[in-house]
Amino acid sequence: MKTISRFFCVPAILLLCAFDLHGLDLAGLLAEGPVLTVKQSGEGKFLYASALVQINAPSDLVWNVILDLDHYCEFMPRVVYSKIQTRSEDGRETTVKFEISVPLVNQRYTLKYLTDPGKKIIRIAQIAGDLRGSFWEWRLTPNSKGTLVRYIGATKNYSTMLQKFEDEQQTITVGVNVSSVMTVTRMIKKRAEQLCAEKKH
């Protein structure tokens, strides 16, 4: 697998492609905002977008914000509703029904969340409705400042109309996925840090 061989920066967003993050000043980059990457297959096809962000809040709090699924409409843009449908006895498997506001026709789909509290990993897969074949994953790593969060996403079959205009570089697909992971991680960061600050007062 490979990454797109481009590099550019916009305010509070850093998109890295074809670079070894271990050779960069990651702490310095994260201070500027989310670090975003795009992964491709060996044939140059989009696989997923990834966001790495430092959240200044304990990992347990961040974990709870990510899994506060019934309340996403309170802090996540375009979420009309999110309703938990089922939850396993051990709490590690949850299905959630979403409606997202988009132009023309809203998207409605059901996701399955599989959690590993010990490893702080949450895997998410589309199981019904729109966005067929999409998947996402959260990984949380506690550190001295709070929590380093990595979120990957592959949003597929998002718009029949938009996909008619897709080019060989998959410009639209990359744009949709990069903006999606960026927005979600920034909203989780904002929510977690607000709750953390409230608890200190």
N, C-alpha and C. Protein backbone atom coordinates (compact mmCIF):
# COMPACT_ATOMS: atom_id res chain seq x y z
N MET A 1 0.84 -1.20 0.00
CA MET A 1 0.00 0.00 0.00
C MET A 1 0.87 1.24 0.00
N LYS A 2 0.35 2.34 -0.52
CA LYS A 2 1.11 3.58 -0.57
C LYS A 2 0.21 4.75 -0.29
N THR A 3 0.82 5.92 -0.14
CA THR A 3 0.06 7.13 0.10
C THR A 3 0.23 8.09 -1.06
N ILE A 4 -0.67 9.03 -1.16
CA ILE A 4 -0.59 10.03 -2.23
C ILE A 4 0.67 10.87 -2.05
N SER A 5 1.39 11.10 -3.13
CA SER A 5 2.67 11.80 -3.03
C SER A 5 2.50 13.31 -3.14
N ARG A 6 1.79 13.88 -2.15
CA ARG A 6 1.66 15.32 -2.10
C ARG A 6 1.68 15.75 -0.64
N PHE A 7 1.96 17.03 -0.43
CA PHE A 7 2.04 17.56 0.92
C PHE A 7 1.53 18.99 0.85
N PHE A 8 0.57 19.34 1.69
CA PHE A 8 0.17 20.73 1.75
C PHE A 8 -0.44 21.04 3.11
N CYS A 9 -0.51 22.32 3.42
CA CYS A 9 -0.97 22.73 4.75
C CYS A 9 -1.97 23.86 4.60
N VAL A 10 -3.07 23.79 5.38
CA VAL A 10 -4.02 24.88 5.48
C VAL A 10 -4.20 25.16 6.95
N PRO A 11 -4.78 26.29 7.36
CA PRO A 11 -4.87 26.62 8.78
C PRO A 11 -5.51 25.51 9.61
N ALA A 12 -4.83 25.12 10.68
CA ALA A 12 -5.29 24.14 11.66
C ALA A 12 -5.48 22.75 11.08
N ILE A 13 -5.06 22.53 9.84
CA ILE A 13 -5.18 21.21 9.22
C ILE A 13 -3.86 20.89 8.55
N LEU A 14 -3.35 19.72 8.78
CA LEU A 14 -2.12 19.31 8.10
C LEU A 14 -2.36 17.97 7.45
N LEU A 15 -2.22 17.93 6.14
CA LEU A 15 -2.40 16.69 5.39
C LEU A 15 -1.04 16.19 4.94
N LEU A 16 -0.69 15.01 5.41
CA LEU A 16 0.60 14.42 5.08
C LEU A 16 0.41 13.21 4.19
N CYS A 17 1.19 13.15 3.15
CA CYS A 17 1.13 12.01 2.26
C CYS A 17 2.54 11.64 1.82
N ALA A 18 2.83 10.36 1.79
CA ALA A 18 4.13 9.85 1.37
C ALA A 18 5.27 10.32 2.27
N PHE A 19 5.00 10.52 3.55
CA PHE A 19 6.03 10.89 4.51
C PHE A 19 6.01 9.92 5.67
N ASP A 20 7.17 9.66 6.26
CA ASP A 20 7.29 8.84 7.44
C ASP A 20 7.08 9.74 8.66
N LEU A 21 5.97 9.54 9.37
CA LEU A 21 5.67 10.40 10.51
C LEU A 21 6.73 10.31 11.60
N HIS A 22 7.41 9.16 11.69
CA HIS A 22 8.43 9.01 12.73
C HIS A 22 9.61 9.94 12.49
N GLY A 23 9.78 10.39 11.27
CA GLY A 23 10.88 11.28 10.96
C GLY A 23 10.52 12.74 11.09
N LEU A 24 9.31 13.02 11.52
CA LEU A 24 8.85 14.40 11.65
C LEU A 24 8.64 14.75 13.12
N ASP A 25 8.54 16.03 13.40
CA ASP A 25 8.25 16.50 14.75
C ASP A 25 6.75 16.40 14.97
N LEU A 26 6.30 15.20 15.37
CA LEU A 26 4.87 14.95 15.47
C LEU A 26 4.21 15.86 16.50
N ALA A 27 4.87 16.07 17.64
CA ALA A 27 4.30 16.93 18.67
C ALA A 27 4.09 18.34 18.12
N GLY A 28 5.06 18.82 17.36
CA GLY A 28 4.93 20.14 16.76
C GLY A 28 3.80 20.21 15.76
N LEU A 29 3.66 19.16 14.97
CA LEU A 29 2.57 19.12 13.99
C LEU A 29 1.21 19.09 14.67
N LEU A 30 1.08 18.28 15.72
CA LEU A 30 -0.19 18.16 16.43
C LEU A 30 -0.59 19.46 17.11
N ALA A 31 0.42 20.27 17.49
CA ALA A 31 0.12 21.55 18.10
C ALA A 31 -0.58 22.49 17.12
N GLU A 32 -0.39 22.24 15.82
CA GLU A 32 -1.02 23.06 14.79
C GLU A 32 -2.45 22.62 14.49
N GLY A 33 -2.80 21.41 14.88
CA GLY A 33 -4.14 20.88 14.60
C GLY A 33 -4.07 19.43 14.18
N PRO A 34 -5.17 18.86 13.70
CA PRO A 34 -5.18 17.44 13.29
C PRO A 34 -4.17 17.18 12.17
N VAL A 35 -3.48 16.06 12.27
CA VAL A 35 -2.58 15.61 11.21
C VAL A 35 -3.35 14.57 10.40
N LEU A 36 -3.52 14.83 9.12
CA LEU A 36 -4.36 14.00 8.26
C LEU A 36 -3.51 13.25 7.23
N THR A 37 -3.85 12.00 7.00
CA THR A 37 -3.17 11.22 5.98
C THR A 37 -4.20 10.51 5.10
N VAL A 38 -3.77 10.18 3.90
CA VAL A 38 -4.62 9.45 2.96
C VAL A 38 -3.87 8.20 2.52
N LYS A 39 -4.46 7.05 2.69
CA LYS A 39 -3.83 5.79 2.32
C LYS A 39 -4.43 5.27 1.01
N GLN A 40 -3.52 4.82 0.12
CA GLN A 40 -3.92 4.24 -1.16
C GLN A 40 -3.43 2.80 -1.26
N SER A 41 -4.03 2.06 -2.17
CA SER A 41 -3.56 0.72 -2.49
C SER A 41 -2.36 0.83 -3.44
N GLY A 42 -1.73 -0.30 -3.74
CA GLY A 42 -0.62 -0.30 -4.68
C GLY A 42 -1.03 0.13 -6.06
N GLU A 43 -2.32 0.01 -6.36
CA GLU A 43 -2.84 0.43 -7.67
C GLU A 43 -3.28 1.89 -7.67
N GLY A 44 -3.07 2.56 -6.54
CA GLY A 44 -3.42 3.98 -6.47
C GLY A 44 -4.86 4.26 -6.12
N LYS A 45 -5.59 3.26 -5.63
CA LYS A 45 -6.99 3.46 -5.26
C LYS A 45 -7.10 3.87 -3.80
N PHE A 46 -8.03 4.76 -3.51
CA PHE A 46 -8.25 5.24 -2.14
C PHE A 46 -8.66 4.08 -1.23
N LEU A 47 -8.02 4.01 -0.07
CA LEU A 47 -8.38 3.01 0.94
C LEU A 47 -9.07 3.65 2.14
N TYR A 48 -8.43 4.65 2.74
CA TYR A 48 -9.05 5.34 3.86
C TYR A 48 -8.31 6.64 4.15
N ALA A 49 -8.98 7.51 4.89
CA ALA A 49 -8.36 8.73 5.40
C ALA A 49 -8.16 8.56 6.90
N SER A 50 -7.16 9.23 7.43
CA SER A 50 -6.84 9.09 8.84
C SER A 50 -6.55 10.44 9.46
N ALA A 51 -7.01 10.64 10.69
CA ALA A 51 -6.72 11.87 11.44
C ALA A 51 -6.07 11.50 12.76
N LEU A 52 -5.01 12.20 13.09
CA LEU A 52 -4.33 12.04 14.37
C LEU A 52 -4.46 13.36 15.11
N VAL A 53 -4.95 13.32 16.35
CA VAL A 53 -5.19 14.56 17.08
C VAL A 53 -4.86 14.36 18.56
N GLN A 54 -4.30 15.40 19.17
CA GLN A 54 -4.05 15.40 20.60
C GLN A 54 -5.26 16.01 21.30
N ILE A 55 -5.83 15.26 22.24
CA ILE A 55 -6.96 15.76 23.02
C ILE A 55 -6.52 15.92 24.46
N ASN A 56 -6.66 17.11 24.99
CA ASN A 56 -6.21 17.40 26.35
C ASN A 56 -7.29 17.02 27.36
N ALA A 57 -7.51 15.71 27.45
CA ALA A 57 -8.50 15.15 28.36
C ALA A 57 -8.13 13.68 28.58
N PRO A 58 -8.50 13.12 29.74
CA PRO A 58 -8.18 11.71 30.01
C PRO A 58 -8.82 10.77 28.99
N SER A 59 -8.17 9.65 28.73
CA SER A 59 -8.65 8.71 27.72
C SER A 59 -10.03 8.15 28.05
N ASP A 60 -10.33 7.94 29.34
CA ASP A 60 -11.66 7.42 29.70
C ASP A 60 -12.76 8.42 29.34
N LEU A 61 -12.47 9.70 29.52
CA LEU A 61 -13.45 10.73 29.17
C LEU A 61 -13.63 10.78 27.65
N VAL A 62 -12.53 10.75 26.90
CA VAL A 62 -12.61 10.76 25.44
C VAL A 62 -13.39 9.55 24.95
N TRP A 63 -13.10 8.40 25.51
CA TRP A 63 -13.80 7.15 25.17
C TRP A 63 -15.30 7.30 25.36
N ASN A 64 -15.69 7.88 26.50
CA ASN A 64 -17.12 8.05 26.79
C ASN A 64 -17.79 9.03 25.84
N VAL A 65 -17.06 10.07 25.42
CA VAL A 65 -17.62 11.03 24.46
C VAL A 65 -17.86 10.35 23.11
N ILE A 66 -16.90 9.56 22.66
CA ILE A 66 -17.05 8.86 21.38
C ILE A 66 -18.26 7.92 21.41
N LEU A 67 -18.49 7.31 22.57
CA LEU A 67 -19.57 6.33 22.69
C LEU A 67 -20.85 6.92 23.27
N ASP A 68 -20.92 8.25 23.35
CA ASP A 68 -22.15 8.91 23.79
C ASP A 68 -23.10 9.03 22.60
N LEU A 69 -23.45 7.89 22.05
CA LEU A 69 -24.07 7.81 20.73
C LEU A 69 -25.47 8.39 20.66
N ASP A 70 -26.21 8.37 21.74
CA ASP A 70 -27.56 8.93 21.74
C ASP A 70 -27.56 10.46 21.70
N HIS A 71 -26.41 11.09 21.90
CA HIS A 71 -26.36 12.55 22.01
C HIS A 71 -25.51 13.22 20.94
N TYR A 72 -25.20 12.50 19.87
CA TYR A 72 -24.37 13.09 18.82
C TYR A 72 -25.00 14.34 18.21
N CYS A 73 -26.31 14.39 18.15
CA CYS A 73 -26.97 15.55 17.54
C CYS A 73 -26.70 16.83 18.33
N GLU A 74 -26.25 16.70 19.58
CA GLU A 74 -25.98 17.88 20.40
C GLU A 74 -24.64 18.53 20.09
N PHE A 75 -23.72 17.78 19.48
CA PHE A 75 -22.40 18.38 19.25
C PHE A 75 -21.77 18.01 17.91
N MET A 76 -22.38 17.10 17.16
CA MET A 76 -21.80 16.68 15.88
C MET A 76 -22.59 17.29 14.73
N PRO A 77 -21.92 18.04 13.83
CA PRO A 77 -22.62 18.69 12.72
C PRO A 77 -23.39 17.71 11.85
N ARG A 78 -24.55 18.12 11.38
CA ARG A 78 -25.38 17.41 10.40
C ARG A 78 -26.06 16.15 10.93
N VAL A 79 -25.85 15.82 12.20
CA VAL A 79 -26.53 14.65 12.75
C VAL A 79 -27.95 15.04 13.15
N VAL A 80 -28.94 14.50 12.44
CA VAL A 80 -30.35 14.75 12.76
C VAL A 80 -30.73 13.93 13.98
N TYR A 81 -30.37 12.66 13.98
CA TYR A 81 -30.54 11.83 15.16
C TYR A 81 -29.58 10.65 15.11
N SER A 82 -29.31 10.11 16.29
CA SER A 82 -28.55 8.87 16.43
C SER A 82 -29.18 8.12 17.60
N LYS A 83 -29.67 6.93 17.31
CA LYS A 83 -30.41 6.16 18.32
C LYS A 83 -29.84 4.76 18.46
N ILE A 84 -29.50 4.40 19.69
CA ILE A 84 -29.01 3.05 19.95
C ILE A 84 -30.16 2.07 19.75
N GLN A 85 -29.92 1.04 18.95
CA GLN A 85 -30.93 0.03 18.67
C GLN A 85 -30.76 -1.20 19.55
N THR A 86 -29.54 -1.71 19.64
CA THR A 86 -29.27 -2.89 20.46
C THR A 86 -27.91 -2.73 21.13
N ARG A 87 -27.72 -3.42 22.24
CA ARG A 87 -26.43 -3.44 22.93
C ARG A 87 -26.25 -4.81 23.58
N SER A 88 -25.09 -5.40 23.40
CA SER A 88 -24.83 -6.72 23.97
C SER A 88 -24.74 -6.63 25.49
N GLU A 89 -24.89 -7.77 26.16
CA GLU A 89 -24.87 -7.80 27.62
C GLU A 89 -23.55 -7.28 28.19
N ASP A 90 -22.44 -7.56 27.51
CA ASP A 90 -21.15 -7.08 28.01
C ASP A 90 -20.84 -5.65 27.57
N GLY A 91 -21.76 -5.05 26.77
CA GLY A 91 -21.60 -3.67 26.34
C GLY A 91 -20.58 -3.44 25.25
N ARG A 92 -20.03 -4.51 24.70
CA ARG A 92 -18.96 -4.35 23.71
C ARG A 92 -19.47 -4.27 22.27
N GLU A 93 -20.72 -4.59 22.05
CA GLU A 93 -21.28 -4.53 20.69
C GLU A 93 -22.58 -3.73 20.72
N THR A 94 -22.63 -2.67 19.93
CA THR A 94 -23.78 -1.78 19.91
C THR A 94 -24.15 -1.46 18.47
N THR A 95 -25.44 -1.48 18.17
CA THR A 95 -25.90 -1.03 16.86
C THR A 95 -26.63 0.30 17.02
N VAL A 96 -26.37 1.21 16.10
CA VAL A 96 -26.89 2.57 16.21
C VAL A 96 -27.46 3.01 14.86
N LYS A 97 -28.62 3.60 14.89
CA LYS A 97 -29.26 4.11 13.68
C LYS A 97 -29.02 5.62 13.59
N PHE A 98 -28.55 6.07 12.43
CA PHE A 98 -28.24 7.49 12.21
C PHE A 98 -29.08 8.07 11.07
N GLU A 99 -29.35 9.37 11.18
CA GLU A 99 -29.82 10.16 10.04
C GLU A 99 -28.94 11.39 9.96
N ILE A 100 -28.37 11.62 8.77
CA ILE A 100 -27.45 12.74 8.55
C ILE A 100 -28.05 13.68 7.52
N SER A 101 -28.02 14.97 7.83
CA SER A 101 -28.55 15.99 6.92
C SER A 101 -27.57 16.25 5.79
N VAL A 102 -28.00 16.01 4.56
CA VAL A 102 -27.21 16.29 3.36
C VAL A 102 -28.13 16.92 2.32
N PRO A 103 -27.58 17.63 1.33
CA PRO A 103 -28.43 18.23 0.29
C PRO A 103 -29.29 17.19 -0.42
N LEU A 104 -30.48 17.58 -0.78
CA LEU A 104 -31.46 16.79 -1.51
C LEU A 104 -32.12 15.70 -0.65
N VAL A 105 -31.39 14.66 -0.30
CA VAL A 105 -31.99 13.56 0.47
C VAL A 105 -31.06 13.19 1.62
N ASN A 106 -31.62 13.18 2.85
CA ASN A 106 -30.81 12.80 4.01
C ASN A 106 -30.33 11.35 3.91
N GLN A 107 -29.19 11.09 4.53
CA GLN A 107 -28.67 9.72 4.57
C GLN A 107 -29.11 9.05 5.86
N ARG A 108 -29.56 7.80 5.71
CA ARG A 108 -30.00 7.01 6.87
C ARG A 108 -29.29 5.66 6.82
N TYR A 109 -28.67 5.30 7.92
CA TYR A 109 -27.91 4.05 7.94
C TYR A 109 -27.77 3.55 9.38
N THR A 110 -27.39 2.28 9.49
CA THR A 110 -27.16 1.65 10.79
C THR A 110 -25.72 1.19 10.87
N LEU A 111 -25.08 1.49 12.00
CA LEU A 111 -23.70 1.12 12.22
C LEU A 111 -23.58 0.15 13.39
N LYS A 112 -22.60 -0.74 13.30
CA LYS A 112 -22.28 -1.63 14.41
C LYS A 112 -20.95 -1.18 15.02
N TYR A 113 -20.96 -0.94 16.32
CA TYR A 113 -19.77 -0.55 17.07
C TYR A 113 -19.26 -1.76 17.86
N LEU A 114 -17.99 -2.11 17.64
CA LEU A 114 -17.33 -3.17 18.40
C LEU A 114 -16.22 -2.54 19.21
N THR A 115 -16.28 -2.67 20.53
CA THR A 115 -15.33 -1.97 21.39
C THR A 115 -14.41 -2.94 22.13
N ASP A 116 -13.18 -2.50 22.32
CA ASP A 116 -12.20 -3.22 23.13
C ASP A 116 -11.70 -2.23 24.18
N PRO A 117 -12.36 -2.17 25.34
CA PRO A 117 -11.99 -1.16 26.36
C PRO A 117 -10.55 -1.28 26.84
N GLY A 118 -10.03 -2.50 26.91
CA GLY A 118 -8.66 -2.69 27.37
C GLY A 118 -7.64 -2.04 26.45
N LYS A 119 -7.81 -2.23 25.15
CA LYS A 119 -6.90 -1.67 24.16
C LYS A 119 -7.32 -0.28 23.70
N LYS A 120 -8.48 0.17 24.15
CA LYS A 120 -9.03 1.47 23.75
C LYS A 120 -9.17 1.56 22.23
N ILE A 121 -9.83 0.55 21.65
CA ILE A 121 -10.08 0.51 20.22
C ILE A 121 -11.57 0.37 19.98
N ILE A 122 -12.10 1.13 19.04
CA ILE A 122 -13.51 1.04 18.64
C ILE A 122 -13.55 0.85 17.14
N ARG A 123 -14.12 -0.26 16.69
CA ARG A 123 -14.27 -0.52 15.26
C ARG A 123 -15.74 -0.37 14.89
N ILE A 124 -15.98 0.28 13.75
CA ILE A 124 -17.34 0.61 13.34
C ILE A 124 -17.54 0.16 11.89
N ALA A 125 -18.68 -0.48 11.63
CA ALA A 125 -18.99 -0.93 10.26
C ALA A 125 -20.44 -0.61 9.93
N GLN A 126 -20.67 -0.20 8.68
CA GLN A 126 -22.02 0.01 8.19
C GLN A 126 -22.66 -1.35 7.98
N ILE A 127 -23.89 -1.55 8.49
CA ILE A 127 -24.55 -2.84 8.34
C ILE A 127 -25.91 -2.74 7.66
N ALA A 128 -26.43 -1.51 7.49
CA ALA A 128 -27.72 -1.36 6.81
C ALA A 128 -27.89 0.08 6.34
N GLY A 129 -28.70 0.26 5.28
CA GLY A 129 -29.02 1.58 4.79
C GLY A 129 -27.96 2.16 3.87
N ASP A 130 -27.82 3.49 3.90
CA ASP A 130 -26.87 4.19 3.03
C ASP A 130 -25.43 3.92 3.45
N LEU A 131 -24.49 4.41 2.62
CA LEU A 131 -23.05 4.30 2.87
C LEU A 131 -22.57 2.85 2.90
N ARG A 132 -23.14 2.03 2.04
CA ARG A 132 -22.81 0.60 2.01
C ARG A 132 -21.30 0.38 1.89
N GLY A 133 -20.78 -0.49 2.74
CA GLY A 133 -19.37 -0.85 2.68
C GLY A 133 -18.44 0.07 3.47
N SER A 134 -18.97 1.09 4.11
CA SER A 134 -18.13 2.04 4.86
C SER A 134 -17.65 1.44 6.17
N PHE A 135 -16.51 1.94 6.65
CA PHE A 135 -16.00 1.51 7.95
C PHE A 135 -15.16 2.61 8.57
N TRP A 136 -15.01 2.54 9.91
CA TRP A 136 -14.25 3.52 10.66
C TRP A 136 -13.59 2.84 11.85
N GLU A 137 -12.61 3.51 12.45
CA GLU A 137 -11.94 2.95 13.62
C GLU A 137 -11.34 4.06 14.47
N TRP A 138 -11.49 3.92 15.80
CA TRP A 138 -10.87 4.81 16.77
C TRP A 138 -9.80 4.05 17.53
N ARG A 139 -8.65 4.70 17.78
CA ARG A 139 -7.61 4.17 18.66
C ARG A 139 -7.16 5.28 19.60
N LEU A 140 -7.23 5.01 20.90
CA LEU A 140 -6.88 6.01 21.90
C LEU A 140 -5.62 5.57 22.64
N THR A 141 -4.67 6.49 22.79
CA THR A 141 -3.43 6.21 23.51
C THR A 141 -3.21 7.29 24.56
N PRO A 142 -3.30 6.94 25.85
CA PRO A 142 -3.04 7.94 26.90
C PRO A 142 -1.61 8.46 26.81
N ASN A 143 -1.42 9.75 27.08
CA ASN A 143 -0.07 10.31 27.17
C ASN A 143 -0.05 11.40 28.24
N SER A 144 1.08 12.06 28.40
CA SER A 144 1.24 13.02 29.49
C SER A 144 0.30 14.22 29.37
N LYS A 145 -0.15 14.53 28.16
CA LYS A 145 -1.03 15.68 27.96
C LYS A 145 -2.50 15.30 27.95
N GLY A 146 -2.78 14.02 27.91
CA GLY A 146 -4.17 13.58 27.84
C GLY A 146 -4.31 12.32 27.02
N THR A 147 -4.73 12.50 25.75
CA THR A 147 -4.97 11.33 24.89
C THR A 147 -4.60 11.63 23.45
N LEU A 148 -3.80 10.77 22.87
CA LEU A 148 -3.52 10.83 21.45
C LEU A 148 -4.56 9.96 20.76
N VAL A 149 -5.29 10.53 19.82
CA VAL A 149 -6.42 9.84 19.19
C VAL A 149 -6.15 9.68 17.69
N ARG A 150 -6.31 8.47 17.20
CA ARG A 150 -6.24 8.21 15.76
C ARG A 150 -7.60 7.71 15.30
N TYR A 151 -8.11 8.36 14.26
CA TYR A 151 -9.42 8.00 13.71
C TYR A 151 -9.26 7.77 12.22
N ILE A 152 -9.63 6.59 11.74
CA ILE A 152 -9.58 6.34 10.31
C ILE A 152 -11.00 6.15 9.80
N GLY A 153 -11.20 6.48 8.53
CA GLY A 153 -12.52 6.34 7.96
C GLY A 153 -12.48 6.10 6.46
N ALA A 154 -13.36 5.24 6.02
CA ALA A 154 -13.58 5.01 4.59
C ALA A 154 -15.07 5.12 4.35
N THR A 155 -15.52 6.31 3.96
CA THR A 155 -16.93 6.53 3.66
C THR A 155 -17.17 6.22 2.19
N LYS A 156 -18.01 5.22 1.95
CA LYS A 156 -18.24 4.74 0.59
C LYS A 156 -19.70 4.93 0.18
N ASN A 157 -19.94 4.95 -1.13
CA ASN A 157 -21.30 5.07 -1.67
C ASN A 157 -22.07 6.21 -1.02
N TYR A 158 -21.41 7.36 -0.93
CA TYR A 158 -21.96 8.52 -0.23
C TYR A 158 -22.91 9.35 -1.08
N SER A 159 -22.77 9.32 -2.41
CA SER A 159 -23.64 10.11 -3.27
C SER A 159 -23.54 9.62 -4.71
N THR A 160 -24.62 9.08 -5.23
CA THR A 160 -24.62 8.61 -6.62
C THR A 160 -24.35 9.76 -7.58
N MET A 161 -24.91 10.94 -7.28
CA MET A 161 -24.73 12.09 -8.16
C MET A 161 -23.28 12.57 -8.17
N LEU A 162 -22.67 12.71 -6.97
CA LEU A 162 -21.28 13.17 -6.90
C LEU A 162 -20.33 12.18 -7.53
N GLN A 163 -20.59 10.90 -7.33
CA GLN A 163 -19.67 9.88 -7.83
C GLN A 163 -19.67 9.80 -9.36
N LYS A 164 -20.71 10.35 -10.01
CA LYS A 164 -20.72 10.41 -11.47
C LYS A 164 -19.64 11.35 -12.00
N PHE A 165 -19.20 12.29 -11.15
CA PHE A 165 -18.20 13.27 -11.58
C PHE A 165 -16.81 12.92 -11.06
N GLU A 166 -16.64 11.74 -10.50
CA GLU A 166 -15.34 11.34 -9.97
C GLU A 166 -14.30 11.22 -11.08
N ASP A 167 -13.04 11.61 -10.78
CA ASP A 167 -11.96 11.51 -11.75
C ASP A 167 -11.03 10.35 -11.37
N GLU A 168 -10.00 10.14 -12.17
CA GLU A 168 -9.08 9.02 -11.93
C GLU A 168 -8.33 9.17 -10.61
N GLN A 169 -8.11 10.39 -10.16
CA GLN A 169 -7.41 10.63 -8.91
C GLN A 169 -8.34 10.50 -7.69
N GLN A 170 -9.62 10.24 -7.95
CA GLN A 170 -10.63 10.12 -6.89
C GLN A 170 -10.65 11.37 -6.01
N THR A 171 -10.62 12.52 -6.67
CA THR A 171 -10.57 13.80 -5.96
C THR A 171 -11.76 13.98 -5.03
N ILE A 172 -12.96 13.63 -5.50
CA ILE A 172 -14.15 13.81 -4.69
C ILE A 172 -14.14 12.87 -3.50
N THR A 173 -13.80 11.61 -3.73
CA THR A 173 -13.75 10.63 -2.64
C THR A 173 -12.76 11.05 -1.57
N VAL A 174 -11.56 11.48 -1.99
CA VAL A 174 -10.55 11.92 -1.03
C VAL A 174 -11.06 13.13 -0.26
N GLY A 175 -11.65 14.08 -0.95
CA GLY A 175 -12.16 15.28 -0.29
C GLY A 175 -13.23 14.99 0.72
N VAL A 176 -14.19 14.12 0.35
CA VAL A 176 -15.27 13.75 1.27
C VAL A 176 -14.71 13.08 2.51
N ASN A 177 -13.79 12.15 2.34
CA ASN A 177 -13.26 11.40 3.46
C ASN A 177 -12.34 12.23 4.35
N VAL A 178 -11.49 13.05 3.76
CA VAL A 178 -10.61 13.89 4.56
C VAL A 178 -11.43 14.88 5.39
N SER A 179 -12.40 15.54 4.77
CA SER A 179 -13.22 16.50 5.51
C SER A 179 -14.02 15.81 6.61
N SER A 180 -14.46 14.58 6.35
CA SER A 180 -15.24 13.84 7.34
C SER A 180 -14.41 13.50 8.57
N VAL A 181 -13.23 12.89 8.38
CA VAL A 181 -12.43 12.51 9.56
C VAL A 181 -11.94 13.76 10.29
N MET A 182 -11.65 14.82 9.56
CA MET A 182 -11.22 16.06 10.20
C MET A 182 -12.32 16.62 11.09
N THR A 183 -13.54 16.70 10.55
CA THR A 183 -14.65 17.28 11.30
C THR A 183 -14.98 16.45 12.54
N VAL A 184 -15.05 15.13 12.37
CA VAL A 184 -15.42 14.27 13.50
C VAL A 184 -14.39 14.36 14.62
N THR A 185 -13.10 14.29 14.28
CA THR A 185 -12.09 14.36 15.34
C THR A 185 -12.08 15.72 16.02
N ARG A 186 -12.29 16.78 15.28
CA ARG A 186 -12.31 18.11 15.89
C ARG A 186 -13.49 18.28 16.82
N MET A 187 -14.63 17.72 16.47
CA MET A 187 -15.80 17.82 17.33
C MET A 187 -15.65 16.98 18.59
N ILE A 188 -15.06 15.80 18.47
CA ILE A 188 -14.81 14.97 19.64
C ILE A 188 -13.81 15.67 20.56
N LYS A 189 -12.77 16.25 19.98
CA LYS A 189 -11.78 17.00 20.77
C LYS A 189 -12.44 18.16 21.52
N LYS A 190 -13.24 18.93 20.81
CA LYS A 190 -13.90 20.09 21.42
C LYS A 190 -14.82 19.66 22.56
N ARG A 191 -15.60 18.63 22.34
CA ARG A 191 -16.54 18.14 23.35
C ARG A 191 -15.80 17.61 24.58
N ALA A 192 -14.77 16.78 24.36
CA ALA A 192 -14.03 16.19 25.46
C ALA A 192 -13.31 17.25 26.28
N GLU A 193 -12.69 18.21 25.62
CA GLU A 193 -11.95 19.23 26.35
C GLU A 193 -12.89 20.17 27.10
N GLN A 194 -14.07 20.41 26.56
CA GLN A 194 -15.06 21.22 27.29
C GLN A 194 -15.52 20.51 28.55
N LEU A 195 -15.83 19.22 28.43
CA LEU A 195 -16.26 18.46 29.60
C LEU A 195 -15.15 18.36 30.64
N CYS A 196 -13.92 18.19 30.18
CA CYS A 196 -12.78 18.11 31.08
C CYS A 196 -12.62 19.43 31.86
N ALA A 197 -12.76 20.54 31.16
CA ALA A 197 -12.63 21.85 31.81
C ALA A 197 -13.74 22.07 32.83
N GLU A 198 -14.96 21.64 32.49
CA GLU A 198 -16.10 21.78 33.42
C GLU A 198 -15.87 20.98 34.69
N LYS A 199 -15.26 19.80 34.57
CA LYS A 199 -15.03 18.96 35.73
C LYS A 199 -13.99 19.55 36.68
N LYS A 200 -13.09 20.40 36.13
CA LYS A 200 -12.05 21.00 36.94
C LYS A 200 -12.55 22.18 37.73
N HIS A 201 -13.71 22.72 37.35
CA HIS A 201 -14.25 23.92 38.04
C HIS A 201 -15.35 23.53 39.02
